[in-house]
PDB file of all heavy atoms in Angstrom:
ATOM      1  N   ASN A   1     -33.148  33.897  62.708  1.00  0.00           N
ATOM      2  CA  ASN A   1     -33.612  34.839  63.686  1.00  0.00           C
ATOM      3  C   ASN A   1     -32.507  35.635  64.363  1.00  0.00           C
ATOM      4  O   ASN A   1     -31.628  35.070  64.951  1.00  0.00           O
ATOM      5  CB  ASN A   1     -34.421  34.048  64.787  1.00  0.00           C
ATOM      6  CG  ASN A   1     -35.151  34.928  65.761  1.00  0.00           C
ATOM      7  OD1 ASN A   1     -34.892  36.103  65.833  1.00  0.00           O
ATOM      8  ND2 ASN A   1     -36.044  34.339  66.507  1.00  0.00           N
ATOM      9  N   VAL A   2     -32.517  36.930  64.165  1.00  0.00           N
ATOM     10  CA  VAL A   2     -31.439  37.757  64.666  1.00  0.00           C
ATOM     11  C   VAL A   2     -31.391  37.705  66.162  1.00  0.00           C
ATOM     12  O   VAL A   2     -30.265  37.945  66.778  1.00  0.00           O
ATOM     13  CB  VAL A   2     -31.552  39.240  64.200  1.00  0.00           C
ATOM     14  CG1 VAL A   2     -31.409  39.301  62.665  1.00  0.00           C
ATOM     15  CG2 VAL A   2     -32.859  39.825  64.662  1.00  0.00           C
ATOM     16  N   ASN A   3     -32.465  37.345  66.836  1.00  0.00           N
ATOM     17  CA  ASN A   3     -32.476  37.221  68.308  1.00  0.00           C
ATOM     18  C   ASN A   3     -31.618  36.022  68.751  1.00  0.00           C
ATOM     19  O   ASN A   3     -31.325  35.944  69.960  1.00  0.00           O
ATOM     20  CB  ASN A   3     -33.867  37.075  68.804  1.00  0.00           C
ATOM     21  CG  ASN A   3     -34.690  38.376  68.608  1.00  0.00           C
ATOM     22  OD1 ASN A   3     -34.119  39.464  68.637  1.00  0.00           O
ATOM     23  ND2 ASN A   3     -35.952  38.267  68.345  1.00  0.00           N
ATOM     24  N   ASP A   4     -31.318  35.140  67.856  1.00  0.00           N
ATOM     25  CA  ASP A   4     -30.388  33.962  68.189  1.00  0.00           C
ATOM     26  C   ASP A   4     -28.936  34.251  68.061  1.00  0.00           C
ATOM     27  O   ASP A   4     -28.100  33.400  68.230  1.00  0.00           O
ATOM     28  CB  ASP A   4     -30.738  32.766  67.269  1.00  0.00           C
ATOM     29  CG  ASP A   4     -32.171  32.182  67.555  1.00  0.00           C
ATOM     30  OD1 ASP A   4     -32.634  32.370  68.693  1.00  0.00           O
ATOM     31  OD2 ASP A   4     -32.741  31.583  66.632  1.00  0.00           O
ATOM     32  N   ALA A   5     -28.630  35.517  67.752  1.00  0.00           N
ATOM     33  CA  ALA A   5     -27.265  35.876  67.400  1.00  0.00           C
ATOM     34  C   ALA A   5     -26.237  35.446  68.530  1.00  0.00           C
ATOM     35  O   ALA A   5     -25.108  34.994  68.221  1.00  0.00           O
ATOM     36  CB  ALA A   5     -27.137  37.327  67.107  1.00  0.00           C
ATOM     37  N   SER A   6     -26.582  35.654  69.771  1.00  0.00           N
ATOM     38  CA  SER A   6     -25.620  35.385  70.853  1.00  0.00           C
ATOM     39  C   SER A   6     -25.266  33.921  70.908  1.00  0.00           C
ATOM     40  O   SER A   6     -24.102  33.598  71.195  1.00  0.00           O
ATOM     41  CB  SER A   6     -26.214  35.836  72.181  1.00  0.00           C
ATOM     42  OG  SER A   6     -27.404  35.153  72.534  1.00  0.00           O
ATOM     43  N   ARG A   7     -26.217  33.012  70.695  1.00  0.00           N
ATOM     44  CA  ARG A   7     -25.929  31.586  70.688  1.00  0.00           C
ATOM     45  C   ARG A   7     -25.250  31.137  69.360  1.00  0.00           C
ATOM     46  O   ARG A   7     -24.316  30.343  69.398  1.00  0.00           O
ATOM     47  CB  ARG A   7     -27.204  30.793  70.952  1.00  0.00           C
ATOM     48  CG  ARG A   7     -27.679  30.965  72.425  1.00  0.00           C
ATOM     49  CD  ARG A   7     -28.926  30.105  72.720  1.00  0.00           C
ATOM     50  NE  ARG A   7     -30.072  30.540  71.938  1.00  0.00           N
ATOM     51  CZ  ARG A   7     -30.914  31.510  72.327  1.00  0.00           C
ATOM     52  NH1 ARG A   7     -30.695  32.152  73.478  1.00  0.00           N
ATOM     53  NH2 ARG A   7     -31.929  31.874  71.604  1.00  0.00           N
ATOM     54  N   LEU A   8     -25.725  31.718  68.293  1.00  0.00           N
ATOM     55  CA  LEU A   8     -25.076  31.372  66.989  1.00  0.00           C
ATOM     56  C   LEU A   8     -23.602  31.787  66.947  1.00  0.00           C
ATOM     57  O   LEU A   8     -22.816  31.141  66.283  1.00  0.00           O
ATOM     58  CB  LEU A   8     -25.841  32.059  65.823  1.00  0.00           C
ATOM     59  CG  LEU A   8     -27.220  31.521  65.562  1.00  0.00           C
ATOM     60  CD1 LEU A   8     -27.979  32.433  64.522  1.00  0.00           C
ATOM     61  CD2 LEU A   8     -27.153  30.073  65.034  1.00  0.00           C
ATOM     62  N   ALA A   9     -23.297  32.805  67.691  1.00  0.00           N
ATOM     63  CA  ALA A   9     -21.960  33.319  67.749  1.00  0.00           C
ATOM     64  C   ALA A   9     -20.931  32.312  68.433  1.00  0.00           C
ATOM     65  O   ALA A   9     -19.740  32.501  68.336  1.00  0.00           O
ATOM     66  CB  ALA A   9     -21.848  34.683  68.459  1.00  0.00           C
ATOM     67  N   THR A  10     -21.479  31.350  69.089  1.00  0.00           N
ATOM     68  CA  THR A  10     -20.641  30.367  69.747  1.00  0.00           C
ATOM     69  C   THR A  10     -20.213  29.196  68.828  1.00  0.00           C
ATOM     70  O   THR A  10     -19.427  28.333  69.279  1.00  0.00           O
ATOM     71  CB  THR A  10     -21.305  29.772  70.975  1.00  0.00           C
ATOM     72  OG1 THR A  10     -22.487  29.017  70.620  1.00  0.00           O
ATOM     73  CG2 THR A  10     -21.817  30.907  71.903  1.00  0.00           C
ATOM     74  N   LEU A  11     -20.759  29.212  67.598  1.00  0.00           N
ATOM     75  CA  LEU A  11     -20.532  28.047  66.695  1.00  0.00           C
ATOM     76  C   LEU A  11     -19.801  28.460  65.437  1.00  0.00           C
ATOM     77  O   LEU A  11     -19.979  29.596  64.944  1.00  0.00           O
ATOM     78  CB  LEU A  11     -21.895  27.477  66.269  1.00  0.00           C
ATOM     79  CG  LEU A  11     -22.731  26.661  67.268  1.00  0.00           C
ATOM     80  CD1 LEU A  11     -24.090  26.426  66.671  1.00  0.00           C
ATOM     81  CD2 LEU A  11     -22.020  25.350  67.569  1.00  0.00           C
ATOM     82  N   PRO A  12     -19.033  27.532  64.874  1.00  0.00           N
ATOM     83  CA  PRO A  12     -18.543  27.769  63.481  1.00  0.00           C
ATOM     84  C   PRO A  12     -19.701  27.677  62.553  1.00  0.00           C
ATOM     85  O   PRO A  12     -20.445  26.661  62.522  1.00  0.00           O
ATOM     86  CB  PRO A  12     -17.563  26.631  63.296  1.00  0.00           C
ATOM     87  CG  PRO A  12     -17.194  26.126  64.646  1.00  0.00           C
ATOM     88  CD  PRO A  12     -18.426  26.363  65.461  1.00  0.00           C
ATOM     89  N   LEU A  13     -19.919  28.730  61.741  1.00  0.00           N
ATOM     90  CA  LEU A  13     -21.042  28.753  60.796  1.00  0.00           C
ATOM     91  C   LEU A  13     -20.495  29.152  59.442  1.00  0.00           C
ATOM     92  O   LEU A  13     -19.629  30.047  59.288  1.00  0.00           O
ATOM     93  CB  LEU A  13     -22.075  29.755  61.210  1.00  0.00           C
ATOM     94  CG  LEU A  13     -22.804  29.585  62.567  1.00  0.00           C
ATOM     95  CD1 LEU A  13     -23.668  30.815  62.854  1.00  0.00           C
ATOM     96  CD2 LEU A  13     -23.623  28.337  62.537  1.00  0.00           C
ATOM     97  N   TRP A  14     -21.015  28.490  58.415  1.00  0.00           N
ATOM     98  CA  TRP A  14     -20.778  28.889  57.031  1.00  0.00           C
ATOM     99  C   TRP A  14     -22.129  29.195  56.358  1.00  0.00           C
ATOM    100  O   TRP A  14     -22.913  28.266  56.116  1.00  0.00           O
ATOM    101  CB  TRP A  14     -20.023  27.832  56.265  1.00  0.00           C
ATOM    102  CG  TRP A  14     -19.502  28.245  54.924  1.00  0.00           C
ATOM    103  CD1 TRP A  14     -19.574  29.517  54.377  1.00  0.00           C
ATOM    104  CD2 TRP A  14     -18.787  27.451  53.989  1.00  0.00           C
ATOM    105  NE1 TRP A  14     -18.984  29.535  53.169  1.00  0.00           N
ATOM    106  CE2 TRP A  14     -18.535  28.304  52.875  1.00  0.00           C
ATOM    107  CE3 TRP A  14     -18.478  26.131  53.968  1.00  0.00           C
ATOM    108  CZ2 TRP A  14     -17.859  27.814  51.748  1.00  0.00           C
ATOM    109  CZ3 TRP A  14     -17.761  25.640  52.810  1.00  0.00           C
ATOM    110  CH2 TRP A  14     -17.503  26.478  51.745  1.00  0.00           C
ATOM    111  N   ILE A  15     -22.387  30.458  56.113  1.00  0.00           N
ATOM    112  CA  ILE A  15     -23.674  30.902  55.568  1.00  0.00           C
ATOM    113  C   ILE A  15     -23.393  31.320  54.110  1.00  0.00           C
ATOM    114  O   ILE A  15     -22.499  32.146  53.836  1.00  0.00           O
ATOM    115  CB  ILE A  15     -24.269  32.035  56.379  1.00  0.00           C
ATOM    116  CG1 ILE A  15     -24.576  31.532  57.793  1.00  0.00           C
ATOM    117  CG2 ILE A  15     -25.539  32.561  55.705  1.00  0.00           C
ATOM    118  CD1 ILE A  15     -25.048  32.583  58.750  1.00  0.00           C
ATOM    119  N   GLN A  16     -24.155  30.787  53.140  1.00  0.00           N
ATOM    120  CA  GLN A  16     -23.940  31.001  51.784  1.00  0.00           C
ATOM    121  C   GLN A  16     -25.225  31.453  51.081  1.00  0.00           C
ATOM    122  O   GLN A  16     -26.287  30.919  51.387  1.00  0.00           O
ATOM    123  CB  GLN A  16     -23.376  29.773  51.096  1.00  0.00           C
ATOM    124  CG  GLN A  16     -22.114  29.198  51.789  1.00  0.00           C
ATOM    125  CD  GLN A  16     -21.550  27.974  51.086  1.00  0.00           C
ATOM    126  OE1 GLN A  16     -21.193  28.022  49.906  1.00  0.00           O
ATOM    127  NE2 GLN A  16     -21.487  26.890  51.818  1.00  0.00           N
ATOM    128  N   HIS A  17     -25.056  32.392  50.134  1.00  0.00           N
ATOM    129  CA  HIS A  17     -26.259  32.852  49.436  1.00  0.00           C
ATOM    130  C   HIS A  17     -25.859  33.388  48.058  1.00  0.00           C
ATOM    131  O   HIS A  17     -24.836  34.028  47.924  1.00  0.00           O
ATOM    132  CB  HIS A  17     -26.926  33.984  50.187  1.00  0.00           C
ATOM    133  CG  HIS A  17     -28.391  33.990  50.154  1.00  0.00           C
ATOM    134  ND1 HIS A  17     -29.172  33.873  51.299  1.00  0.00           N
ATOM    135  CD2 HIS A  17     -29.231  34.126  49.134  1.00  0.00           C
ATOM    136  CE1 HIS A  17     -30.461  33.910  50.964  1.00  0.00           C
ATOM    137  NE2 HIS A  17     -30.528  34.043  49.659  1.00  0.00           N
ATOM    138  N   GLY A  18     -26.682  33.092  47.076  1.00  0.00           N
ATOM    139  CA  GLY A  18     -26.489  33.568  45.753  1.00  0.00           C
ATOM    140  C   GLY A  18     -26.920  35.032  45.576  1.00  0.00           C
ATOM    141  O   GLY A  18     -27.923  35.420  46.170  1.00  0.00           O
ATOM    142  N   ASN A  19     -26.170  35.806  44.819  1.00  0.00           N
ATOM    143  CA  ASN A  19     -26.545  37.231  44.693  1.00  0.00           C
ATOM    144  C   ASN A  19     -27.634  37.419  43.572  1.00  0.00           C
ATOM    145  O   ASN A  19     -28.071  38.575  43.331  1.00  0.00           O
ATOM    146  CB  ASN A  19     -25.302  38.071  44.330  1.00  0.00           C
ATOM    147  CG  ASN A  19     -24.694  37.774  42.986  1.00  0.00           C
ATOM    148  OD1 ASN A  19     -25.105  36.808  42.321  1.00  0.00           O
ATOM    149  ND2 ASN A  19     -23.711  38.535  42.580  1.00  0.00           N
ATOM    150  N   LYS A  20     -28.125  36.340  42.962  1.00  0.00           N
ATOM    151  CA  LYS A  20     -29.252  36.440  41.998  1.00  0.00           C
ATOM    152  C   LYS A  20     -30.449  35.680  42.554  1.00  0.00           C
ATOM    153  O   LYS A  20     -31.289  35.246  41.736  1.00  0.00           O
ATOM    154  CB  LYS A  20     -28.778  35.894  40.667  1.00  0.00           C
ATOM    155  CG  LYS A  20     -27.596  36.643  40.052  1.00  0.00           C
ATOM    156  CD  LYS A  20     -27.943  38.078  39.700  1.00  0.00           C
ATOM    157  CE  LYS A  20     -26.769  38.810  39.022  1.00  0.00           C
ATOM    158  NZ  LYS A  20     -27.112  40.230  38.710  1.00  0.00           N
ATOM    159  N   ASP A  21     -30.479  35.497  43.821  1.00  0.00           N
ATOM    160  CA  ASP A  21     -31.645  34.758  44.442  1.00  0.00           C
ATOM    161  C   ASP A  21     -32.811  35.744  44.638  1.00  0.00           C
ATOM    162  O   ASP A  21     -32.700  36.644  45.481  1.00  0.00           O
ATOM    163  CB  ASP A  21     -31.168  34.163  45.763  1.00  0.00           C
ATOM    164  CG  ASP A  21     -32.221  33.233  46.325  1.00  0.00           C
ATOM    165  OD1 ASP A  21     -33.411  33.315  46.013  1.00  0.00           O
ATOM    166  OD2 ASP A  21     -31.857  32.274  47.100  1.00  0.00           O
ATOM    167  N   TYR A  22     -33.844  35.508  43.849  1.00  0.00           N
ATOM    168  CA  TYR A  22     -35.049  36.424  44.003  1.00  0.00           C
ATOM    169  C   TYR A  22     -36.188  35.763  44.751  1.00  0.00           C
ATOM    170  O   TYR A  22     -37.248  36.299  44.823  1.00  0.00           O
ATOM    171  CB  TYR A  22     -35.459  36.916  42.615  1.00  0.00           C
ATOM    172  CG  TYR A  22     -34.360  37.628  41.869  1.00  0.00           C
ATOM    173  CD1 TYR A  22     -33.786  37.111  40.662  1.00  0.00           C
ATOM    174  CD2 TYR A  22     -33.826  38.774  42.378  1.00  0.00           C
ATOM    175  CE1 TYR A  22     -32.774  37.743  40.019  1.00  0.00           C
ATOM    176  CE2 TYR A  22     -32.750  39.442  41.726  1.00  0.00           C
ATOM    177  CZ  TYR A  22     -32.272  38.892  40.537  1.00  0.00           C
ATOM    178  OH  TYR A  22     -31.222  39.537  39.910  1.00  0.00           O
ATOM    179  N   ILE A  23     -35.942  34.564  45.246  1.00  0.00           N
ATOM    180  CA  ILE A  23     -36.959  33.838  46.007  1.00  0.00           C
ATOM    181  C   ILE A  23     -36.782  34.106  47.482  1.00  0.00           C
ATOM    182  O   ILE A  23     -37.707  34.536  48.184  1.00  0.00           O
ATOM    183  CB  ILE A  23     -36.886  32.314  45.790  1.00  0.00           C
ATOM    184  CG1 ILE A  23     -37.003  31.955  44.313  1.00  0.00           C
ATOM    185  CG2 ILE A  23     -37.969  31.572  46.590  1.00  0.00           C
ATOM    186  CD1 ILE A  23     -38.327  32.410  43.669  1.00  0.00           C
ATOM    187  N   VAL A  24     -35.548  33.937  47.973  1.00  0.00           N
ATOM    188  CA  VAL A  24     -35.129  34.420  49.316  1.00  0.00           C
ATOM    189  C   VAL A  24     -33.941  35.303  49.108  1.00  0.00           C
ATOM    190  O   VAL A  24     -32.900  34.937  48.616  1.00  0.00           O
ATOM    191  CB  VAL A  24     -34.711  33.193  50.197  1.00  0.00           C
ATOM    192  CG1 VAL A  24     -34.239  33.736  51.582  1.00  0.00           C
ATOM    193  CG2 VAL A  24     -35.838  32.213  50.385  1.00  0.00           C
ATOM    194  N   ARG A  25     -34.158  36.580  49.413  1.00  0.00           N
ATOM    195  CA  ARG A  25     -33.186  37.574  49.151  1.00  0.00           C
ATOM    196  C   ARG A  25     -31.898  37.376  49.951  1.00  0.00           C
ATOM    197  O   ARG A  25     -32.024  36.900  51.111  1.00  0.00           O
ATOM    198  CB  ARG A  25     -33.772  38.972  49.401  1.00  0.00           C
ATOM    199  CG  ARG A  25     -34.945  39.345  48.536  1.00  0.00           C
ATOM    200  CD  ARG A  25     -34.466  39.725  47.132  1.00  0.00           C
ATOM    201  NE  ARG A  25     -35.567  40.095  46.277  1.00  0.00           N
ATOM    202  CZ  ARG A  25     -35.433  40.636  45.074  1.00  0.00           C
ATOM    203  NH1 ARG A  25     -34.230  40.978  44.604  1.00  0.00           N
ATOM    204  NH2 ARG A  25     -36.480  40.930  44.303  1.00  0.00           N
ATOM    205  N   MET A  26     -30.815  37.744  49.394  1.00  0.00           N
ATOM    206  CA  MET A  26     -29.564  37.595  50.085  1.00  0.00           C
ATOM    207  C   MET A  26     -29.476  38.385  51.388  1.00  0.00           C
ATOM    208  O   MET A  26     -28.739  37.999  52.334  1.00  0.00           O
ATOM    209  CB  MET A  26     -28.385  38.001  49.159  1.00  0.00           C
ATOM    210  CG  MET A  26     -27.001  37.663  49.661  1.00  0.00           C
ATOM    211  SD  MET A  26     -25.754  37.953  48.425  1.00  0.00           S
ATOM    212  CE  MET A  26     -25.752  39.773  48.408  1.00  0.00           C
ATOM    213  N   SER A  27     -30.283  39.370  51.469  1.00  0.00           N
ATOM    214  CA  SER A  27     -30.336  40.230  52.705  1.00  0.00           C
ATOM    215  C   SER A  27     -30.800  39.389  53.894  1.00  0.00           C
ATOM    216  O   SER A  27     -30.459  39.732  55.054  1.00  0.00           O
ATOM    217  CB  SER A  27     -31.256  41.451  52.490  1.00  0.00           C
ATOM    218  OG  SER A  27     -32.567  40.988  52.116  1.00  0.00           O
ATOM    219  N   GLU A  28     -31.574  38.319  53.671  1.00  0.00           N
ATOM    220  CA  GLU A  28     -31.999  37.449  54.734  1.00  0.00           C
ATOM    221  C   GLU A  28     -30.819  36.802  55.484  1.00  0.00           C
ATOM    222  O   GLU A  28     -30.778  36.640  56.644  1.00  0.00           O
ATOM    223  CB  GLU A  28     -32.960  36.388  54.222  1.00  0.00           C
ATOM    224  CG  GLU A  28     -34.331  36.928  53.869  1.00  0.00           C
ATOM    225  CD  GLU A  28     -35.056  37.388  55.109  1.00  0.00           C
ATOM    226  OE1 GLU A  28     -35.485  36.567  55.949  1.00  0.00           O
ATOM    227  OE2 GLU A  28     -35.310  38.627  55.208  1.00  0.00           O
ATOM    228  N   SER A  29     -29.875  36.330  54.699  1.00  0.00           N
ATOM    229  CA  SER A  29     -28.651  35.771  55.285  1.00  0.00           C
ATOM    230  C   SER A  29     -27.741  36.837  55.864  1.00  0.00           C
ATOM    231  O   SER A  29     -27.206  36.677  56.965  1.00  0.00           O
ATOM    232  CB  SER A  29     -27.819  34.997  54.224  1.00  0.00           C
ATOM    233  OG  SER A  29     -28.462  33.745  53.931  1.00  0.00           O
TER     234      SER A  29
END
């Protein structure tokens, strides 16, 4: 949820996504 950005910004996060993912598009991450 992009509305959570301010709180997510306070944490170390590692977000990973495959560029051939056609089930959940990489644009979601």
